[in-house]
């Protein structure tokens, strides 16, 4: 039982160590948003209109 508890704690520590920081997640989200806007050929105005449409509908 003690070995299982130690193993569970080690697994939690490993998973936590691999978690993405808030700043890294924010940077990745901004990058992906810009990439999608570029691929959809959206202008800045159309991008903001769509973002606010999505925010307002959620």
Protein backbone atom coordinates (compact mmCIF):
# COMPACT_ATOMS: atom_id res chain seq x y z
CA UNK A 1 0.00 0.00 0.00
CA UNK A 2 2.83 2.36 0.89
CA UNK A 3 4.55 1.67 -2.45
CA UNK A 4 1.36 2.50 -4.34
CA UNK A 5 1.04 5.80 -2.47
CA UNK A 6 4.65 6.70 -3.28
CA UNK A 7 4.08 5.79 -6.92
CA UNK A 8 0.94 7.95 -7.05
CA UNK A 9 2.78 10.92 -5.55
CA UNK A 10 5.62 10.50 -8.05
CA UNK A 11 3.14 10.40 -10.93
CA UNK A 12 1.44 13.60 -9.74
CA UNK A 13 4.80 15.33 -9.43
CA UNK A 14 5.78 14.24 -12.94
CA UNK A 15 2.51 15.45 -14.43
CA UNK A 16 2.77 18.77 -12.59
CA UNK A 17 6.33 19.27 -13.79
CA UNK A 18 5.18 18.91 -17.40
CA UNK A 19 2.29 21.37 -17.10
CA UNK A 20 2.39 24.50 -19.26
CA UNK A 21 2.79 27.81 -17.48
CA UNK A 22 0.16 30.54 -17.83
CA UNK A 23 2.47 32.74 -19.91
CA UNK A 24 3.42 29.86 -22.20
CA UNK A 25 -0.25 28.96 -22.70
CA UNK A 26 -1.12 32.60 -23.43
CA UNK A 27 1.73 32.89 -25.94
CA UNK A 28 0.66 29.66 -27.67
CA UNK A 29 -2.99 30.78 -27.84
CA UNK A 30 -2.04 34.15 -29.35
CA UNK A 31 0.20 32.44 -31.89
CA UNK A 32 -2.51 30.00 -32.91
CA UNK A 33 -5.10 32.79 -33.15
CA UNK A 34 -2.84 34.82 -35.43
CA UNK A 35 -2.10 31.75 -37.52
CA UNK A 36 -5.81 30.99 -37.97
CA UNK A 37 -6.57 34.61 -38.89
CA UNK A 38 -3.79 34.53 -41.47
CA UNK A 39 -4.94 31.23 -42.96
CA UNK A 40 -8.55 32.48 -43.15
CA UNK A 41 -7.29 35.72 -44.74
CA UNK A 42 -9.04 37.88 -42.14
CA UNK A 43 -8.33 41.56 -41.75
CA UNK A 44 -7.86 43.00 -38.26
CA UNK A 45 -11.40 44.43 -38.24
CA UNK A 46 -13.01 41.16 -39.34
CA UNK A 47 -10.92 39.25 -36.81
CA UNK A 48 -12.11 41.42 -33.91
CA UNK A 49 -15.71 41.24 -35.09
CA UNK A 50 -15.54 37.44 -35.13
CA UNK A 51 -13.79 37.29 -31.76
CA UNK A 52 -16.44 39.47 -30.14
CA UNK A 53 -19.15 37.42 -31.83
CA UNK A 54 -17.68 34.25 -30.31
CA UNK A 55 -17.22 35.87 -26.89
CA UNK A 56 -20.76 37.21 -26.90
CA UNK A 57 -22.30 33.87 -27.82
CA UNK A 58 -20.61 31.91 -25.04
